[in-house]
Amino acid sequence: MIAYHLVPAPSWDAAPMDQPFRPASLDTEGFVHLTHRMADLLDVANALYRDEPGPHLVLTIALDRLSTPWRYDGDERYPHVYGPLDRAAITAVRPIRRDPRGAFVPVERTDERSVPDVSHPV
């Protein structure tokens, strides 16, 4: 099962590559926010980060490769990881573009991946 995480490119670039990745929310909220669907990532990105300047990246995370615990805290569209993201679990790092108005646009077509069955969380 995969999930996505939005990160400012400078945060990713500054992180030590020989260590698990620690998004800022791990220190401020105690967990890392993820989403299963690109459409949900876009909704969150455009609602919360549209005015944040600079380039951003989408990390694709293989949840079964994480050594830290993760769970759903309510909405099963949004898994939360309670520790840093293992580099081996990050299967892709892709830039996310913005349209002329600054809105984030998908990094893939919504029909390129099947939506995971989240009715039976780990």
PDB file of N, CA and C in Angstrom:
ATOM      1  N   MET A   1       0.843  -1.168   0.000  1.00  0.00           N
ATOM      2  CA  MET A   1       0.000   0.000   0.000  1.00  0.00           C
ATOM      3  C   MET A   1       0.893   1.237   0.000  1.00  0.00           C
ATOM      4  N   ILE A   2       0.532   2.184  -0.827  1.00  0.00           N
ATOM      5  CA  ILE A   2       1.319   3.411  -0.915  1.00  0.00           C
ATOM      6  C   ILE A   2       0.571   4.601  -0.329  1.00  0.00           C
ATOM      7  N   ALA A   3       1.350   5.635  -0.039  1.00  0.00           N
ATOM      8  CA  ALA A   3       0.794   6.897   0.426  1.00  0.00           C
ATOM      9  C   ALA A   3       1.724   8.005  -0.063  1.00  0.00           C
ATOM     10  N   TYR A   4       1.216   9.228  -0.031  1.00  0.00           N
ATOM     11  CA  TYR A   4       1.961  10.386  -0.514  1.00  0.00           C
ATOM     12  C   TYR A   4       2.202  11.366   0.630  1.00  0.00           C
ATOM     13  N   HIS A   5       3.310  12.105   0.503  1.00  0.00           N
ATOM     14  CA  HIS A   5       3.627  13.168   1.446  1.00  0.00           C
ATOM     15  C   HIS A   5       4.153  14.367   0.664  1.00  0.00           C
ATOM     16  N   LEU A   6       3.629  15.547   0.953  1.00  0.00           N
ATOM     17  CA  LEU A   6       4.073  16.795   0.335  1.00  0.00           C
ATOM     18  C   LEU A   6       5.147  17.421   1.216  1.00  0.00           C
ATOM     19  N   VAL A   7       6.241  17.856   0.598  1.00  0.00           N
ATOM     20  CA  VAL A   7       7.338  18.446   1.363  1.00  0.00           C
ATOM     21  C   VAL A   7       7.948  19.599   0.559  1.00  0.00           C
ATOM     22  N   PRO A   8       8.303  20.697   1.244  1.00  0.00           N
ATOM     23  CA  PRO A   8       9.036  21.747   0.537  1.00  0.00           C
ATOM     24  C   PRO A   8      10.372  21.188   0.045  1.00  0.00           C
ATOM     25  N   ALA A   9      10.736  21.483  -1.183  1.00  0.00           N
ATOM     26  CA  ALA A   9      11.977  20.956  -1.757  1.00  0.00           C
ATOM     27  C   ALA A   9      13.212  21.312  -0.913  1.00  0.00           C
ATOM     28  N   PRO A  10      13.317  22.526  -0.372  1.00  0.00           N
ATOM     29  CA  PRO A  10      14.502  22.827   0.438  1.00  0.00           C
ATOM     30  C   PRO A  10      14.631  21.940   1.682  1.00  0.00           C
ATOM     31  N   SER A  11      13.509  21.541   2.274  1.00  0.00           N
ATOM     32  CA  SER A  11      13.559  20.644   3.437  1.00  0.00           C
ATOM     33  C   SER A  11      14.120  19.282   3.043  1.00  0.00           C
ATOM     34  N   TRP A  12      13.670  18.771   1.908  1.00  0.00           N
ATOM     35  CA  TRP A  12      14.169  17.488   1.412  1.00  0.00           C
ATOM     36  C   TRP A  12      15.656  17.598   1.071  1.00  0.00           C
ATOM     37  N   ASP A  13      16.019  18.658   0.371  1.00  0.00           N
ATOM     38  CA  ASP A  13      17.400  18.840  -0.062  1.00  0.00           C
ATOM     39  C   ASP A  13      18.369  18.984   1.111  1.00  0.00           C
ATOM     40  N   ALA A  14      17.917  19.561   2.212  1.00  0.00           N
ATOM     41  CA  ALA A  14      18.778  19.802   3.372  1.00  0.00           C
ATOM     42  C   ALA A  14      18.896  18.586   4.291  1.00  0.00           C
ATOM     43  N   ALA A  15      18.038  17.608   4.119  1.00  0.00           N
ATOM     44  CA  ALA A  15      18.027  16.436   5.007  1.00  0.00           C
ATOM     45  C   ALA A  15      19.193  15.507   4.683  1.00  0.00           C
ATOM     46  N   PRO A  16      19.846  14.964   5.712  1.00  0.00           N
ATOM     47  CA  PRO A  16      20.942  14.017   5.472  1.00  0.00           C
ATOM     48  C   PRO A  16      20.418  12.764   4.748  1.00  0.00           C
ATOM     49  N   MET A  17      21.039  12.441   3.628  1.00  0.00           N
ATOM     50  CA  MET A  17      20.579  11.311   2.814  1.00  0.00           C
ATOM     51  C   MET A  17      20.875   9.954   3.451  1.00  0.00           C
ATOM     52  N   ASP A  18      21.774   9.903   4.427  1.00  0.00           N
ATOM     53  CA  ASP A  18      22.111   8.640   5.072  1.00  0.00           C
ATOM     54  C   ASP A  18      21.280   8.385   6.328  1.00  0.00           C
ATOM     55  N   GLN A  19      20.235   9.195   6.537  1.00  0.00           N
ATOM     56  CA  GLN A  19      19.359   9.051   7.699  1.00  0.00           C
ATOM     57  C   GLN A  19      17.906   9.054   7.245  1.00  0.00           C
ATOM     58  N   PRO A  20      17.017   8.477   8.067  1.00  0.00           N
ATOM     59  CA  PRO A  20      15.593   8.583   7.732  1.00  0.00           C
ATOM     60  C   PRO A  20      15.179  10.046   7.634  1.00  0.00           C
ATOM     61  N   PHE A  21      14.188  10.307   6.803  1.00  0.00           N
ATOM     62  CA  PHE A  21      13.712  11.681   6.593  1.00  0.00           C
ATOM     63  C   PHE A  21      12.752  12.063   7.709  1.00  0.00           C
ATOM     64  N   ARG A  22      12.987  13.245   8.305  1.00  0.00           N
ATOM     65  CA  ARG A  22      12.161  13.759   9.402  1.00  0.00           C
ATOM     66  C   ARG A  22      11.423  15.011   8.951  1.00  0.00           C
ATOM     67  N   PRO A  23      10.191  14.870   8.425  1.00  0.00           N
ATOM     68  CA  PRO A  23       9.416  16.064   8.082  1.00  0.00           C
ATOM     69  C   PRO A  23       9.165  16.921   9.324  1.00  0.00           C
ATOM     70  N   ALA A  24       8.972  18.193   9.107  1.00  0.00           N
ATOM     71  CA  ALA A  24       8.788  19.141  10.212  1.00  0.00           C
ATOM     72  C   ALA A  24       7.625  18.765  11.118  1.00  0.00           C
ATOM     73  N   SER A  25       6.563  18.187  10.562  1.00  0.00           N
ATOM     74  CA  SER A  25       5.389  17.856  11.389  1.00  0.00           C
ATOM     75  C   SER A  25       5.704  16.799  12.441  1.00  0.00           C
ATOM     76  N   LEU A  26       6.745  16.019  12.248  1.00  0.00           N
ATOM     77  CA  LEU A  26       7.116  15.023  13.255  1.00  0.00           C
ATOM     78  C   LEU A  26       7.490  15.709  14.562  1.00  0.00           C
ATOM     79  N   ASP A  27       8.194  16.825  14.477  1.00  0.00           N
ATOM     80  CA  ASP A  27       8.570  17.566  15.682  1.00  0.00           C
ATOM     81  C   ASP A  27       7.439  18.441  16.206  1.00  0.00           C
ATOM     82  N   THR A  28       6.634  19.014  15.317  1.00  0.00           N
ATOM     83  CA  THR A  28       5.591  19.939  15.771  1.00  0.00           C
ATOM     84  C   THR A  28       4.295  19.236  16.167  1.00  0.00           C
ATOM     85  N   GLU A  29       3.979  18.101  15.523  1.00  0.00           N
ATOM     86  CA  GLU A  29       2.714  17.422  15.804  1.00  0.00           C
ATOM     87  C   GLU A  29       2.874  15.992  16.297  1.00  0.00           C
ATOM     88  N   GLY A  30       4.072  15.444  16.180  1.00  0.00           N
ATOM     89  CA  GLY A  30       4.317  14.092  16.666  1.00  0.00           C
ATOM     90  C   GLY A  30       4.090  12.995  15.641  1.00  0.00           C
ATOM     91  N   PHE A  31       3.738  13.365  14.424  1.00  0.00           N
ATOM     92  CA  PHE A  31       3.544  12.371  13.365  1.00  0.00           C
ATOM     93  C   PHE A  31       3.715  13.027  12.006  1.00  0.00           C
ATOM     94  N   VAL A  32       3.804  12.183  10.975  1.00  0.00           N
ATOM     95  CA  VAL A  32       3.940  12.644   9.595  1.00  0.00           C
ATOM     96  C   VAL A  32       2.608  12.419   8.901  1.00  0.00           C
ATOM     97  N   HIS A  33       2.092  13.453   8.258  1.00  0.00           N
ATOM     98  CA  HIS A  33       0.839  13.377   7.519  1.00  0.00           C
ATOM     99  C   HIS A  33       1.068  12.714   6.159  1.00  0.00           C
ATOM    100  N   LEU A  34       0.238  11.745   5.806  1.00  0.00           N
ATOM    101  CA  LEU A  34       0.255  11.120   4.485  1.00  0.00           C
ATOM    102  C   LEU A  34      -1.166  11.067   3.956  1.00  0.00           C
ATOM    103  N   THR A  35      -1.296  10.772   2.688  1.00  0.00           N
ATOM    104  CA  THR A  35      -2.597  10.536   2.080  1.00  0.00           C
ATOM    105  C   THR A  35      -2.450   9.434   1.040  1.00  0.00           C
ATOM    106  N   HIS A  36      -3.507   8.676   0.842  1.00  0.00           N
ATOM    107  CA  HIS A  36      -3.451   7.579  -0.130  1.00  0.00           C
ATOM    108  C   HIS A  36      -3.702   8.027  -1.563  1.00  0.00           C
ATOM    109  N   ARG A  37      -4.481   9.069  -1.730  1.00  0.00           N
ATOM    110  CA  ARG A  37      -4.885   9.456  -3.089  1.00  0.00           C
ATOM    111  C   ARG A  37      -4.294  10.801  -3.471  1.00  0.00           C
ATOM    112  N   MET A  38      -3.887  10.922  -4.719  1.00  0.00           N
ATOM    113  CA  MET A  38      -3.345  12.188  -5.217  1.00  0.00           C
ATOM    114  C   MET A  38      -4.384  13.302  -5.095  1.00  0.00           C
ATOM    115  N   ALA A  39      -5.646  12.994  -5.335  1.00  0.00           N
ATOM    116  CA  ALA A  39      -6.691  14.017  -5.230  1.00  0.00           C
ATOM    117  C   ALA A  39      -6.755  14.591  -3.815  1.00  0.00           C
ATOM    118  N   ASP A  40      -6.599  13.743  -2.810  1.00  0.00           N
ATOM    119  CA  ASP A  40      -6.617  14.223  -1.428  1.00  0.00           C
ATOM    120  C   ASP A  40      -5.366  15.038  -1.120  1.00  0.00           C
ATOM    121  N   LEU A  41      -4.217  14.625  -1.650  1.00  0.00           N
ATOM    122  CA  LEU A  41      -3.000  15.404  -1.466  1.00  0.00           C
ATOM    123  C   LEU A  41      -3.177  16.796  -2.059  1.00  0.00           C
ATOM    124  N   LEU A  42      -3.763  16.872  -3.242  1.00  0.00           N
ATOM    125  CA  LEU A  42      -3.990  18.163  -3.881  1.00  0.00           C
ATOM    126  C   LEU A  42      -4.942  19.030  -3.063  1.00  0.00           C
ATOM    127  N   ASP A  43      -5.997  18.432  -2.540  1.00  0.00           N
ATOM    128  CA  ASP A  43      -6.938  19.193  -1.715  1.00  0.00           C
ATOM    129  C   ASP A  43      -6.224  19.817  -0.517  1.00  0.00           C
ATOM    130  N   VAL A  44      -5.420  19.014   0.176  1.00  0.00           N
ATOM    131  CA  VAL A  44      -4.696  19.505   1.349  1.00  0.00           C
ATOM    132  C   VAL A  44      -3.658  20.544   0.936  1.00  0.00           C
ATOM    133  N   ALA A  45      -2.904  20.251  -0.116  1.00  0.00           N
ATOM    134  CA  ALA A  45      -1.859  21.174  -0.571  1.00  0.00           C
ATOM    135  C   ALA A  45      -2.443  22.533  -0.938  1.00  0.00           C
ATOM    136  N   ASN A  46      -3.540  22.519  -1.660  1.00  0.00           N
ATOM    137  CA  ASN A  46      -4.128  23.786  -2.094  1.00  0.00           C
ATOM    138  C   ASN A  46      -4.851  24.517  -0.971  1.00  0.00           C
ATOM    139  N   ALA A  47      -5.339  23.794   0.024  1.00  0.00           N
ATOM    140  CA  ALA A  47      -5.995  24.443   1.156  1.00  0.00           C
ATOM    141  C   ALA A  47      -4.982  25.026   2.147  1.00  0.00           C
ATOM    142  N   LEU A  48      -3.866  24.321   2.351  1.00  0.00           N
ATOM    143  CA  LEU A  48      -2.943  24.717   3.417  1.00  0.00           C
ATOM    144  C   LEU A  48      -1.615  25.299   2.949  1.00  0.00           C
ATOM    145  N   TYR A  49      -1.160  24.940   1.750  1.00  0.00           N
ATOM    146  CA  TYR A  49       0.192  25.313   1.332  1.00  0.00           C
ATOM    147  C   TYR A  49       0.262  26.112   0.039  1.00  0.00           C
ATOM    148  N   ARG A  50      -0.864  26.496  -0.488  1.00  0.00           N
ATOM    149  CA  ARG A  50      -0.879  27.220  -1.760  1.00  0.00           C
ATOM    150  C   ARG A  50      -0.091  28.525  -1.684  1.00  0.00           C
ATOM    151  N   ASP A  51      -0.153  29.209  -0.559  1.00  0.00           N
ATOM    152  CA  ASP A  51       0.539  30.483  -0.398  1.00  0.00           C
ATOM    153  C   ASP A  51       1.982  30.322   0.069  1.00  0.00           C
ATOM    154  N   GLU A  52       2.404  29.073   0.333  1.00  0.00           N
ATOM    155  CA  GLU A  52       3.792  28.837   0.737  1.00  0.00           C
ATOM    156  C   GLU A  52       4.676  28.889  -0.499  1.00  0.00           C
ATOM    157  N   PRO A  53       5.634  29.800  -0.527  1.00  0.00           N
ATOM    158  CA  PRO A  53       6.440  29.963  -1.745  1.00  0.00           C
ATOM    159  C   PRO A  53       7.421  28.810  -1.938  1.00  0.00           C
ATOM    160  N   GLY A  54       7.952  28.750  -3.136  1.00  0.00           N
ATOM    161  CA  GLY A  54       9.015  27.808  -3.440  1.00  0.00           C
ATOM    162  C   GLY A  54       8.516  26.469  -3.944  1.00  0.00           C
ATOM    163  N   PRO A  55       9.458  25.686  -4.465  1.00  0.00           N
ATOM    164  CA  PRO A  55       9.099  24.381  -5.019  1.00  0.00           C
ATOM    165  C   PRO A  55       8.786  23.361  -3.929  1.00  0.00           C
ATOM    166  N   HIS A  56       7.940  22.426  -4.283  1.00  0.00           N
ATOM    167  CA  HIS A  56       7.567  21.328  -3.399  1.00  0.00           C
ATOM    168  C   HIS A  56       7.772  20.009  -4.129  1.00  0.00           C
ATOM    169  N   LEU A  57       7.838  18.943  -3.340  1.00  0.00           N
ATOM    170  CA  LEU A  57       8.001  17.598  -3.874  1.00  0.00           C
ATOM    171  C   LEU A  57       6.923  16.697  -3.298  1.00  0.00           C
ATOM    172  N   VAL A  58       6.601  15.646  -4.038  1.00  0.00           N
ATOM    173  CA  VAL A  58       5.706  14.604  -3.540  1.00  0.00           C
ATOM    174  C   VAL A  58       6.552  13.356  -3.327  1.00  0.00           C
ATOM    175  N   LEU A  59       6.558  12.873  -2.088  1.00  0.00           N
ATOM    176  CA  LEU A  59       7.224  11.613  -1.776  1.00  0.00           C
ATOM    177  C   LEU A  59       6.187  10.509  -1.861  1.00  0.00           C
ATOM    178  N   THR A  60       6.535   9.412  -2.515  1.00  0.00           N
ATOM    179  CA  THR A  60       5.683   8.224  -2.526  1.00  0.00           C
ATOM    180  C   THR A  60       6.267   7.265  -1.500  1.00  0.00           C
ATOM    181  N   ILE A  61       5.423   6.827  -0.566  1.00  0.00           N
ATOM    182  CA  ILE A  61       5.861   6.010   0.555  1.00  0.00           C
ATOM    183  C   ILE A  61       5.207   4.631   0.465  1.00  0.00           C
ATOM    184  N   ALA A  62       6.029   3.585   0.547  1.00  0.00           N
ATOM    185  CA  ALA A  62       5.516   2.210   0.651  1.00  0.00           C
ATOM    186  C   ALA A  62       5.345   1.918   2.143  1.00  0.00           C
ATOM    187  N   LEU A  63       4.109   1.899   2.597  1.00  0.00           N
ATOM    188  CA  LEU A  63       3.845   1.769   4.028  1.00  0.00           C
ATOM    189  C   LEU A  63       4.402   0.470   4.609  1.00  0.00           C
ATOM    190  N   ASP A  64       4.432  -0.587   3.815  1.00  0.00           N
ATOM    191  CA  ASP A  64       4.940  -1.865   4.331  1.00  0.00           C
ATOM    192  C   ASP A  64       6.457  -1.877   4.507  1.00  0.00           C
ATOM    193  N   ARG A  65       7.135  -0.852   4.046  1.00  0.00           N
ATOM    194  CA  ARG A  65       8.590  -0.759   4.204  1.00  0.00           C
ATOM    195  C   ARG A  65       9.002   0.118   5.382  1.00  0.00           C
ATOM    196  N   LEU A  66       8.036   0.707   6.061  1.00  0.00           N
ATOM    197  CA  LEU A  66       8.355   1.565   7.204  1.00  0.00           C
ATOM    198  C   LEU A  66       8.725   0.730   8.427  1.00  0.00           C
ATOM    199  N   SER A  67       9.728   1.170   9.153  1.00  0.00           N
ATOM    200  CA  SER A  67      10.072   0.499  10.404  1.00  0.00           C
ATOM    201  C   SER A  67       9.385   1.172  11.591  1.00  0.00           C
ATOM    202  N   THR A  68       8.824   2.355  11.373  1.00  0.00           N
ATOM    203  CA  THR A  68       8.115   3.068  12.434  1.00  0.00           C
ATOM    204  C   THR A  68       6.620   2.805  12.308  1.00  0.00           C
ATOM    205  N   PRO A  69       5.897   2.882  13.406  1.00  0.00           N
ATOM    206  CA  PRO A  69       4.458   2.591  13.349  1.00  0.00           C
ATOM    207  C   PRO A  69       3.677   3.660  12.600  1.00  0.00           C
ATOM    208  N   TRP A  70       2.584   3.226  12.008  1.00  0.00           N
ATOM    209  CA  TRP A  70       1.656   4.133  11.363  1.00  0.00           C
ATOM    210  C   TRP A  70       0.250   3.635  11.643  1.00  0.00           C
ATOM    211  N   ARG A  71      -0.705   4.560  11.553  1.00  0.00           N
ATOM    212  CA  ARG A  71      -2.111   4.186  11.781  1.00  0.00           C
ATOM    213  C   ARG A  71      -3.014   5.285  11.252  1.00  0.00           C
ATOM    214  N   TYR A  72      -4.285   4.958  11.221  1.00  0.00           N
ATOM    215  CA  TYR A  72      -5.308   5.948  10.884  1.00  0.00           C
ATOM    216  C   TYR A  72      -5.851   6.507  12.185  1.00  0.00           C
ATOM    217  N   ASP A  73      -5.923   7.806  12.277  1.00  0.00           N
ATOM    218  CA  ASP A  73      -6.494   8.466  13.449  1.00  0.00           C
ATOM    219  C   ASP A  73      -7.804   9.108  13.046  1.00  0.00           C
ATOM    220  N   GLY A  74      -8.729   8.282  12.636  1.00  0.00           N
ATOM    221  CA  GLY A  74     -10.025   8.780  12.182  1.00  0.00           C
ATOM    222  C   GLY A  74     -10.245   8.465  10.723  1.00  0.00           C
ATOM    223  N   ASP A  75      -9.909   9.381   9.858  1.00  0.00           N
ATOM    224  CA  ASP A  75     -10.177   9.265   8.433  1.00  0.00           C
ATOM    225  C   ASP A  75      -9.169   8.328   7.764  1.00  0.00           C
ATOM    226  N   GLU A  76      -9.644   7.260   7.160  1.00  0.00           N
ATOM    227  CA  GLU A  76      -8.767   6.253   6.560  1.00  0.00           C
ATOM    228  C   GLU A  76      -8.158   6.689   5.230  1.00  0.00           C
ATOM    229  N   ARG A  77      -8.388   7.906   4.820  1.00  0.00           N
ATOM    230  CA  ARG A  77      -7.685   8.440   3.651  1.00  0.00           C
ATOM    231  C   ARG A  77      -6.313   8.982   4.037  1.00  0.00           C
ATOM    232  N   TYR A  78      -6.106   9.215   5.346  1.00  0.00           N
ATOM    233  CA  TYR A  78      -4.926   9.919   5.809  1.00  0.00           C
ATOM    234  C   TYR A  78      -4.159   9.124   6.871  1.00  0.00           C
ATOM    235  N   PRO A  79      -3.233   8.264   6.458  1.00  0.00           N
ATOM    236  CA  PRO A  79      -2.416   7.575   7.463  1.00  0.00           C
ATOM    237  C   PRO A  79      -1.430   8.544   8.111  1.00  0.00           C
ATOM    238  N   HIS A  80      -1.130   8.281   9.377  1.00  0.00           N
ATOM    239  CA  HIS A  80      -0.149   9.057  10.122  1.00  0.00           C
ATOM    240  C   HIS A  80       0.997   8.138  10.502  1.00  0.00           C
ATOM    241  N   VAL A  81       2.222   8.588  10.281  1.00  0.00           N
ATOM    242  CA  VAL A  81       3.422   7.821  10.613  1.00  0.00           C
ATOM    243  C   VAL A  81       4.021   8.438  11.870  1.00  0.00           C
ATOM    244  N   TYR A  82       4.250   7.590  12.887  1.00  0.00           N
ATOM    245  CA  TYR A  82       4.735   8.056  14.180  1.00  0.00           C
ATOM    246  C   TYR A  82       6.240   7.858  14.324  1.00  0.00           C
ATOM    247  N   GLY A  83       6.963   8.390  13.374  1.00  0.00           N
ATOM    248  CA  GLY A  83       8.416   8.351  13.388  1.00  0.00           C
ATOM    249  C   GLY A  83       8.924   8.823  12.042  1.00  0.00           C
ATOM    250  N   PRO A  84      10.243   8.870  11.884  1.00  0.00           N
ATOM    251  CA  PRO A  84      10.802   9.321  10.611  1.00  0.00           C
ATOM    252  C   PRO A  84      10.514   8.323   9.493  1.00  0.00           C
ATOM    253  N   LEU A  85      10.620   8.810   8.260  1.00  0.00           N
ATOM    254  CA  LEU A  85      10.367   7.985   7.079  1.00  0.00           C
ATOM    255  C   LEU A  85      11.670   7.318   6.633  1.00  0.00           C
ATOM    256  N   ASP A  86      11.687   5.998   6.691  1.00  0.00           N
ATOM    257  CA  ASP A  86      12.861   5.251   6.231  1.00  0.00           C
ATOM    258  C   ASP A  86      13.106   5.548   4.762  1.00  0.00           C
ATOM    259  N   ARG A  87      14.352   5.747   4.404  1.00  0.00           N
ATOM    260  CA  ARG A  87      14.688   6.007   2.997  1.00  0.00           C
ATOM    261  C   ARG A  87      14.257   4.852   2.106  1.00  0.00           C
ATOM    262  N   ALA A  88      14.332   3.618   2.598  1.00  0.00           N
ATOM    263  CA  ALA A  88      13.932   2.454   1.799  1.00  0.00           C
ATOM    264  C   ALA A  88      12.438   2.437   1.524  1.00  0.00           C
ATOM    265  N   ALA A  89      11.659   3.156   2.321  1.00  0.00           N
ATOM    266  CA  ALA A  89      10.206   3.214   2.126  1.00  0.00           C
ATOM    267  C   ALA A  89       9.805   4.297   1.135  1.00  0.00           C
ATOM    268  N   ILE A  90      10.713   5.217   0.830  1.00  0.00           N
ATOM    269  CA  ILE A  90      10.433   6.304  -0.109  1.00  0.00           C
ATOM    270  C   ILE A  90      10.761   5.790  -1.506  1.00  0.00           C
ATOM    271  N   THR A  91       9.730   5.457  -2.262  1.00  0.00           N
ATOM    272  CA  THR A  91       9.933   4.813  -3.561  1.00  0.00           C
ATOM    273  C   THR A  91      10.016   5.796  -4.724  1.00  0.00           C
ATOM    274  N   ALA A  92       9.593   7.032  -4.511  1.00  0.00           N
ATOM    275  CA  ALA A  92       9.682   8.051  -5.560  1.00  0.00           C
ATOM    276  C   ALA A  92       9.683   9.430  -4.919  1.00  0.00           C
ATOM    277  N   VAL A  93      10.413  10.335  -5.550  1.00  0.00           N
ATOM    278  CA  VAL A  93      10.451  11.746  -5.155  1.00  0.00           C
ATOM    279  C   VAL A  93      10.257  12.531  -6.442  1.00  0.00           C
ATOM    280  N   ARG A  94       9.119  13.229  -6.531  1.00  0.00           N
ATOM    281  CA  ARG A  94       8.785  13.926  -7.779  1.00  0.00           C
ATOM    282  C   ARG A  94       8.391  15.365  -7.501  1.00  0.00           C
ATOM    283  N   PRO A  95       8.811  16.272  -8.366  1.00  0.00           N
ATOM    284  CA  PRO A  95       8.359  17.662  -8.211  1.00  0.00           C
ATOM    285  C   PRO A  95       6.867  17.762  -8.506  1.00  0.00           C
ATOM    286  N   ILE A  96       6.228  18.685  -7.836  1.00  0.00           N
ATOM    287  CA  ILE A  96       4.817  18.960  -8.106  1.00  0.00           C
ATOM    288  C   ILE A  96       4.732  20.382  -8.663  1.00  0.00           C
ATOM    289  N   ARG A  97       4.073  20.499  -9.789  1.00  0.00           N
ATOM    290  CA  ARG A  97       3.958  21.798 -10.458  1.00  0.00           C
ATOM    291  C   ARG A  97       2.768  22.577  -9.912  1.00  0.00           C
ATOM    292  N   ARG A  98       2.742  23.848 -10.288  1.00  0.00           N
ATOM    293  CA  ARG A  98       1.617  24.719  -9.954  1.00  0.00           C
ATOM    294  C   ARG A  98       1.102  25.347 -11.237  1.00  0.00           C
ATOM    295  N   ASP A  99      -0.184  25.638 -11.225  1.00  0.00           N
ATOM    296  CA  ASP A  99      -0.758  26.321 -12.379  1.00  0.00           C
ATOM    297  C   ASP A  99      -0.455  27.824 -12.272  1.00  0.00           C
ATOM    298  N   PRO A 100      -0.815  28.624 -13.261  1.00  0.00           N
ATOM    299  CA  PRO A 100      -0.492  30.063 -13.220  1.00  0.00           C
ATOM    300  C   PRO A 100      -1.069  30.807 -12.012  1.00  0.00           C
ATOM    301  N   ARG A 101      -2.104  30.265 -11.393  1.00  0.00           N
ATOM    302  CA  ARG A 101      -2.690  30.902 -10.200  1.00  0.00           C
ATOM    303  C   ARG A 101      -2.028  30.426  -8.909  1.00  0.00           C
ATOM    304  N   GLY A 102      -1.068  29.485  -9.016  1.00  0.00           N
ATOM    305  CA  GLY A 102      -0.369  28.995  -7.834  1.00  0.00           C
ATOM    306  C   GLY A 102      -0.917  27.701  -7.263  1.00  0.00           C
ATOM    307  N   ALA A 103      -1.987  27.172  -7.847  1.00  0.00           N
ATOM    308  CA  ALA A 103      -2.571  25.928  -7.349  1.00  0.00           C
ATOM    309  C   ALA A 103      -1.703  24.743  -7.752  1.00  0.00           C
ATOM    310  N   PHE A 104      -1.535  23.803  -6.829  1.00  0.00           N
ATOM    311  CA  PHE A 104      -0.807  22.580  -7.123  1.00  0.00           C
ATOM    312  C   PHE A 104      -1.616  21.740  -8.111  1.00  0.00           C
ATOM    313  N   VAL A 105      -0.923  21.054  -9.019  1.00  0.00           N
ATOM    314  CA  VAL A 105      -1.568  20.170  -9.995  1.00  0.00           C
ATOM    315  C   VAL A 105      -1.006  18.760  -9.815  1.00  0.00           C
ATOM    316  N   PRO A 106      -1.753  17.734 -10.207  1.00  0.00           N
ATOM    317  CA  PRO A 106      -1.320  16.354  -9.938  1.00  0.00           C
ATOM    318  C   PRO A 106       0.004  16.007 -10.623  1.00  0.00           C
ATOM    319  N   VAL A 107       0.775  15.133  -9.955  1.00  0.00           N
ATOM    320  CA  VAL A 107       2.010  14.638 -10.544  1.00  0.00           C
ATOM    321  C   VAL A 107       1.755  13.392 -11.386  1.00  0.00           C
ATOM    322  N   GLU A 108       0.546  12.895 -11.334  1.00  0.00           N
ATOM    323  CA  GLU A 108       0.161  11.734 -12.144  1.00  0.00           C
ATOM    324  C   GLU A 108      -1.329  11.808 -12.396  1.00  0.00           C
ATOM    325  N   ARG A 109      -1.762  11.140 -13.432  1.00  0.00           N
ATOM    326  CA  ARG A 109      -3.205  11.077 -13.680  1.00  0.00           C
ATOM    327  C   ARG A 109      -3.839  10.233 -12.593  1.00  0.00           C
ATOM    328  N   THR A 110      -5.049  10.567 -12.219  1.00  0.00           N
ATOM    329  CA  THR A 110      -5.700   9.852 -11.124  1.00  0.00           C
ATOM    330  C   THR A 110      -5.990   8.402 -11.466  1.00  0.00           C
ATOM    331  N   ASP A 111      -6.020   8.047 -12.745  1.00  0.00           N
ATOM    332  CA  ASP A 111      -6.297   6.652 -13.094  1.00  0.00           C
ATOM    333  C   ASP A 111      -5.027   5.827 -13.292  1.00  0.00           C
ATOM    334  N   GLU A 112      -3.845   6.394 -13.017  1.00  0.00           N
ATOM    335  CA  GLU A 112      -2.603   5.643 -13.174  1.00  0.00           C
ATOM    336  C   GLU A 112      -2.401   4.634 -12.061  1.00  0.00           C
ATOM    337  N   ARG A 113      -2.940   4.873 -10.907  1.00  0.00           N
ATOM    338  CA  ARG A 113      -2.815   3.952  -9.761  1.00  0.00           C
ATOM    339  C   ARG A 113      -4.209   3.602  -9.277  1.00  0.00           C
ATOM    340  N   SER A 114      -4.361   2.379  -8.879  1.00  0.00           N
ATOM    341  CA  SER A 114      -5.645   2.021  -8.287  1.00  0.00           C
ATOM    342  C   SER A 114      -5.675   2.571  -6.877  1.00  0.00           C
ATOM    343  N   VAL A 115      -6.828   2.936  -6.427  1.00  0.00           N
ATOM    344  CA  VAL A 115      -7.003   3.433  -5.075  1.00  0.00           C
ATOM    345  C   VAL A 115      -6.920   2.248  -4.136  1.00  0.00           C
ATOM    346  N   PRO A 116      -6.059   2.298  -3.097  1.00  0.00           N
ATOM    347  CA  PRO A 116      -5.911   1.156  -2.209  1.00  0.00           C
ATOM    348  C   PRO A 116      -7.163   0.901  -1.400  1.00  0.00           C
ATOM    349  N   ASP A 117      -7.350  -0.355  -1.035  1.00  0.00           N
ATOM    350  CA  ASP A 117      -8.442  -0.728  -0.154  1.00  0.00           C
ATOM    351  C   ASP A 117      -7.998  -0.439   1.261  1.00  0.00           C
ATOM    352  N   VAL A 118      -8.565   0.581   1.883  1.00  0.00           N
ATOM    353  CA  VAL A 118      -8.166   0.950   3.235  1.00  0.00           C
ATOM    354  C   VAL A 118      -9.200   0.497   4.264  1.00  0.00           C
ATOM    355  N   SER A 119     -10.052  -0.434   3.870  1.00  0.00           N
ATOM    356  CA  SER A 119     -11.073  -0.901   4.795  1.00  0.00           C
ATOM    357  C   SER A 119     -10.481  -1.803   5.875  1.00  0.00           C
ATOM    358  N   HIS A 120      -9.256  -2.307   5.654  1.00  0.00           N
ATOM    359  CA  HIS A 120      -8.590  -3.154   6.632  1.00  0.00           C
ATOM    360  C   HIS A 120      -7.214  -2.596   6.949  1.00  0.00           C
ATOM    361  N   PRO A 121      -7.145  -1.552   7.811  1.00  0.00           N
ATOM    362  CA  PRO A 121      -5.852  -0.929   8.091  1.00  0.00           C
ATOM    363  C   PRO A 121      -4.904  -1.893   8.816  1.00  0.00           C
ATOM    364  N   VAL A 122      -3.631  -1.615   8.653  1.00  0.00           N
ATOM    365  CA  VAL A 122      -2.600  -2.409   9.301  1.00  0.00           C
ATOM    366  C   VAL A 122      -2.632  -2.151  10.775  1.00  0.00           C
TER     367      VAL A 122
END
